[in-house]
Protein backbone atom coordinates (compact mmCIF):
# COMPACT_ATOMS: atom_id res chain seq x y z
CA MET A 1 121.76 116.93 145.55
CA GLU A 2 119.02 115.35 147.67
CA PHE A 3 116.58 117.29 149.85
CA THR A 4 114.32 116.04 152.63
CA THR A 5 112.01 119.02 153.26
CA ILE A 6 111.70 120.60 149.83
CA LYS A 7 111.14 119.44 146.27
CA PHE A 8 113.50 120.89 143.67
CA GLU A 9 112.54 120.68 140.00
CA LYS A 10 114.55 122.03 137.10
CA LYS A 11 112.44 122.95 134.09
CA ALA A 12 113.29 124.50 130.71
CA GLY A 13 114.92 127.75 131.77
CA TYR A 14 113.65 127.92 135.35
CA ALA A 15 113.35 126.02 138.61
CA ILE A 16 110.53 125.26 141.04
CA ILE A 17 111.10 124.86 144.77
CA THR A 18 108.18 123.41 146.73
CA LEU A 19 108.28 123.50 150.52
CA ASN A 20 107.43 119.92 151.42
CA ARG A 21 106.33 119.45 155.03
CA PRO A 22 102.57 119.43 154.38
CA ASP A 23 101.79 117.56 157.61
CA LYS A 24 103.35 120.52 159.47
CA LEU A 25 101.86 123.13 157.11
CA ASN A 26 105.40 123.55 155.76
CA ALA A 27 106.64 125.04 159.02
CA LEU A 28 110.16 126.36 158.65
CA ASN A 29 112.58 124.28 160.69
CA ASN A 30 116.37 124.13 160.65
CA GLN A 31 116.43 121.29 158.11
CA LEU A 32 114.14 123.15 155.73
CA PHE A 33 116.34 126.25 155.89
CA THR A 34 119.39 124.06 155.25
CA ASP A 35 117.71 122.44 152.26
CA LEU A 36 116.60 125.81 150.92
CA ASP A 37 120.08 127.26 151.35
CA ASN A 38 121.59 124.32 149.45
CA ALA A 39 119.03 124.67 146.67
CA ILE A 40 119.87 128.36 146.32
CA LYS A 41 123.54 127.41 145.98
CA VAL A 42 122.61 125.07 143.10
CA ILE A 43 120.69 127.88 141.41
CA GLU A 44 123.54 130.36 141.85
CA LEU A 45 125.86 128.04 139.94
CA ASP A 46 123.45 127.06 137.16
CA THR A 47 123.23 129.70 134.42
CA ASP A 48 120.50 127.69 132.68
CA ILE A 49 118.13 128.64 135.51
CA ARG A 50 116.80 132.10 134.64
CA ALA A 51 113.92 132.32 137.14
CA LEU A 52 112.65 130.63 140.30
CA LEU A 53 109.14 129.76 141.45
CA LEU A 54 108.68 129.10 145.17
CA THR A 55 105.50 127.55 146.55
CA GLY A 56 104.25 125.15 149.21
CA GLU A 57 102.89 121.61 149.17
CA GLY A 58 99.33 121.13 150.41
CA LYS A 59 97.10 123.82 151.89
CA ALA A 60 99.83 126.18 153.08
CA PHE A 61 102.73 128.13 151.64
CA ALA A 62 104.35 128.07 155.08
CA ALA A 63 102.52 128.52 158.36
CA GLY A 64 105.55 129.96 160.16
CA ALA A 65 108.59 128.82 162.07
CA ASP A 66 108.65 125.41 163.74
CA ILE A 67 107.29 126.28 167.20
CA LYS A 68 108.90 123.24 168.85
CA GLU A 69 112.35 124.42 167.74
CA LEU A 70 111.49 128.02 168.62
CA ASN A 71 110.35 127.10 172.12
CA ALA A 72 113.79 125.66 172.89
CA CYS A 73 115.49 129.03 172.27
CA ASP A 74 116.98 131.25 174.96
CA GLY A 75 118.59 134.68 174.80
CA THR A 76 121.67 133.33 173.05
CA THR A 77 120.32 130.60 170.80
CA GLY A 78 117.36 132.79 169.84
CA LYS A 79 119.64 135.19 168.02
CA ASP A 80 121.24 132.31 166.11
CA PHE A 81 117.77 130.91 165.28
CA SER A 82 116.77 134.26 163.77
CA ALA A 83 120.09 134.93 162.06
CA PHE A 84 120.20 131.62 160.19
CA GLY A 85 116.73 132.00 158.70
CA SER A 86 117.43 135.64 157.86
CA LYS A 87 120.66 134.70 156.10
CA VAL A 88 118.91 132.15 153.91
CA MET A 89 116.13 134.58 153.02
CA ALA A 90 118.66 137.31 152.24
CA ARG A 91 120.46 134.90 149.93
CA LEU A 92 117.16 134.12 148.18
CA GLU A 93 116.42 137.82 147.79
CA ALA A 94 119.92 138.45 146.43
CA LEU A 95 119.47 136.04 143.51
CA ARG A 96 119.97 137.92 140.25
CA ILE A 97 117.09 136.08 138.61
CA PRO A 98 113.38 136.78 139.21
CA VAL A 99 112.02 134.94 142.25
CA LEU A 100 108.23 134.54 142.33
CA ALA A 101 106.35 133.29 145.40
CA ALA A 102 103.10 131.47 144.64
CA VAL A 103 101.39 131.87 148.01
CA ASN A 104 98.91 129.02 148.32
CA GLY A 105 96.98 129.24 151.57
CA PHE A 106 98.64 130.25 154.82
CA ALA A 107 101.78 132.40 154.79
CA LEU A 108 102.18 133.39 158.42
CA GLY A 109 105.14 134.50 160.47
CA GLY A 110 108.24 133.05 158.84
CA GLY A 111 106.10 132.00 155.88
CA CYS A 112 105.07 135.59 155.22
CA GLU A 113 108.69 136.67 155.69
CA LEU A 114 109.85 134.05 153.17
CA ALA A 115 107.27 135.27 150.64
CA MET A 116 108.44 138.87 151.19
CA ALA A 117 112.03 137.82 150.47
CA CYS A 118 110.87 136.88 146.96
CA HIS A 119 110.85 139.63 144.35
CA ILE A 120 107.20 139.17 143.34
CA ARG A 121 104.25 137.52 145.07
CA TYR A 122 101.13 135.93 143.59
CA ALA A 123 98.47 134.68 146.00
CA SER A 124 95.54 132.30 145.78
CA THR A 125 92.13 133.64 146.76
CA ASN A 126 92.23 131.59 149.98
CA ALA A 127 95.65 132.90 151.06
CA LYS A 128 96.07 134.34 154.54
CA MET A 129 99.16 136.39 155.38
CA GLY A 130 100.45 138.06 158.51
CA GLN A 131 103.00 138.33 161.29
CA PRO A 132 101.37 136.75 164.37
CA GLU A 133 104.61 136.42 166.37
CA VAL A 134 103.40 138.93 168.96
CA ASN A 135 100.83 136.32 170.04
CA LEU A 136 103.77 134.10 171.05
CA GLY A 137 105.35 136.86 173.09
CA ILE A 138 108.05 137.59 170.52
CA LEU A 139 108.66 139.69 167.41
CA PRO A 140 109.30 138.60 163.81
CA GLY A 141 112.81 137.24 163.39
CA TYR A 142 113.28 136.88 159.63
CA GLY A 143 112.58 140.41 158.41
CA GLY A 144 108.91 140.94 159.27
CA THR A 145 109.53 144.36 160.78
CA GLN A 146 111.83 145.34 157.91
CA ARG A 147 110.51 144.03 154.58
CA LEU A 148 106.85 144.46 155.52
CA THR A 149 107.52 148.12 156.31
CA ARG A 150 109.20 148.63 152.94
CA LEU A 151 106.27 146.99 151.14
CA VAL A 152 103.23 148.46 152.90
CA GLY A 153 104.53 151.51 154.79
CA VAL A 154 105.31 152.24 158.41
CA ALA A 155 101.78 152.62 159.78
CA LYS A 156 100.33 149.47 158.20
CA SER A 157 103.40 147.44 159.10
CA MET A 158 103.18 148.65 162.69
CA GLU A 159 99.50 147.71 162.83
CA LEU A 160 99.99 144.21 161.44
CA ASN A 161 103.05 143.49 163.58
CA ILE A 162 101.63 144.68 166.91
CA THR A 163 98.17 143.11 166.46
CA GLY A 164 99.26 139.88 164.80
CA ASP A 165 96.21 140.15 162.54
CA MET A 166 96.01 138.19 159.31
CA VAL A 167 94.96 139.69 155.99
CA GLY A 168 93.24 137.92 153.13
CA ALA A 169 94.52 137.84 149.57
CA GLU A 170 92.54 140.81 148.25
CA GLU A 171 93.53 142.99 151.19
CA ALA A 172 97.14 141.87 150.76
CA LYS A 173 96.96 143.06 147.15
CA ARG A 174 95.32 146.35 148.13
CA ILE A 175 98.12 147.23 150.56
CA GLY A 176 100.90 146.13 148.21
CA LEU A 177 101.89 142.91 149.94
CA VAL A 178 101.11 140.78 146.87
CA ASN A 179 101.08 141.63 143.17
CA GLU A 180 98.19 139.51 141.92
CA VAL A 181 95.44 137.24 143.24
CA TYR A 182 94.22 134.15 141.39
CA ASP A 183 91.84 131.31 142.02
CA GLU A 184 93.57 128.44 143.77
CA SER A 185 93.18 126.25 140.69
CA GLU A 186 94.93 128.85 138.52
CA LEU A 187 97.72 130.01 140.81
CA ILE A 188 100.53 127.77 139.58
CA GLU A 189 99.46 128.06 135.94
CA LYS A 190 99.50 131.87 136.14
CA SER A 191 102.80 131.81 138.02
CA ILE A 192 104.45 129.62 135.39
CA ALA A 193 103.07 131.87 132.63
CA PHE A 194 104.79 134.83 134.29
CA ILE A 195 108.03 132.87 134.65
CA GLU A 196 107.94 131.73 131.03
CA LYS A 197 107.43 135.33 129.93
CA VAL A 198 110.38 136.78 131.84
CA ILE A 199 112.84 134.06 130.80
CA THR A 200 112.46 135.24 127.21
CA LYS A 201 114.10 138.53 128.22
CA SER A 202 117.83 139.20 128.45
CA PRO A 203 119.30 137.65 131.64
CA ILE A 204 121.88 140.46 131.64
CA ALA A 205 119.19 143.15 131.63
CA ILE A 206 117.05 141.29 134.17
CA ALA A 207 119.95 140.95 136.61
CA ALA A 208 120.77 144.66 136.26
CA ILE A 209 117.12 145.59 136.84
CA ILE A 210 116.92 143.43 139.96
CA ASP A 211 120.14 144.97 141.33
CA SER A 212 118.96 148.50 140.56
CA VAL A 213 115.46 148.11 141.99
CA ARG A 214 116.84 146.53 145.17
CA SER A 215 119.36 149.37 145.51
CA SER A 216 116.48 151.88 145.61
CA THR A 217 115.62 150.77 149.17
CA LYS A 218 119.16 151.48 150.37
CA LEU A 219 120.39 154.51 148.43
CA LEU A 220 119.46 158.17 148.31
CA LEU A 221 117.83 159.12 145.00
CA GLU A 222 120.97 160.84 143.71
CA ASP A 223 123.10 157.79 144.50
CA GLY A 224 120.47 155.45 143.09
CA LEU A 225 120.38 157.33 139.80
CA GLU A 226 124.16 157.14 139.59
CA TYR A 227 124.01 153.39 140.28
CA GLU A 228 121.38 152.95 137.58
CA SER A 229 123.55 154.82 135.06
CA GLN A 230 126.49 152.61 135.98
CA LYS A 231 124.40 149.49 135.36
CA PHE A 232 123.06 150.98 132.13
CA GLY A 233 126.61 151.43 130.86
CA GLU A 234 127.58 147.89 131.82
CA VAL A 235 124.61 146.42 129.97
CA CYS A 236 125.37 148.55 126.89
CA GLY A 237 128.60 146.56 126.63
CA SER A 238 126.77 143.22 126.42
CA GLN A 239 125.99 141.07 123.41
CA ASP A 240 122.37 140.95 124.53
CA PHE A 241 122.10 144.74 124.22
CA LYS A 242 123.45 144.68 120.68
CA GLU A 243 121.12 141.80 119.79
CA GLY A 244 118.08 143.46 121.35
CA THR A 245 118.53 146.81 119.64
CA LEU A 246 119.43 145.21 116.30
CA ALA A 247 116.37 142.93 116.50
CA PHE A 248 114.18 145.97 117.11
CA LEU A 249 115.64 147.78 114.08
CA GLU A 250 115.26 144.67 111.94
CA LYS A 251 111.70 144.09 113.23
CA ARG A 252 112.37 140.55 114.44
CA LYS A 253 112.34 138.68 117.74
CA ALA A 254 115.55 139.00 119.74
CA ASN A 255 117.59 135.93 120.64
CA PHE A 256 119.16 136.69 124.02
CA ILE A 257 122.03 134.49 125.18
CA GLY A 258 122.89 136.04 128.54
CA LYS A 259 126.24 137.49 127.49
């Protein structure tokens, strides 16, 4: 499959998607969302891909939505504009493999929302993140009021959304918006090291963990514990579980096959 606004690379056990509109600071337009959606479909069908790294070409992760396309919206088309991007990000978030965002430079508006749709976020020291949509007379349309609140809490989310202020990488880490901060020259190297670590684990267990952690934002604790027990039982029936426990008892490295 060919893409015009992203680069898709399949590596040994994982994939890298690079947003590739550097002259537009990787602004998210309709074509980019279409390309990203198609790439996610490829990943969903390829069991050899056990993790995904998402980053941006040039000096930005993604500087936001394409303002020219946004400006053309009215009360009807605006909802469709928001819904399409939200659907693609929800599909990314729903992947049952780890999705790591390597936030290089600006991640503003839709760019910040795209990073938040990833399971884990690493940022370069020069990264700037925020939801500046209020400065355009609008609100975030791809989950900025929802995922940001879940990550940093109601008060901080309210502050960032109603002021449109940006935060630097260290502040983003302090408030829980990103997991780690690295020098720009190390960001991709550190991101790949994380990816290569997690793909050595059982894909069955990883998928169950992702499902269970995501369920914690939707379920009451009692229901979440029941869901976790259900997943625990399902994984106990897998070959990977038998291999992992046997390898531990035999004091050797486990060979997980994803079954």
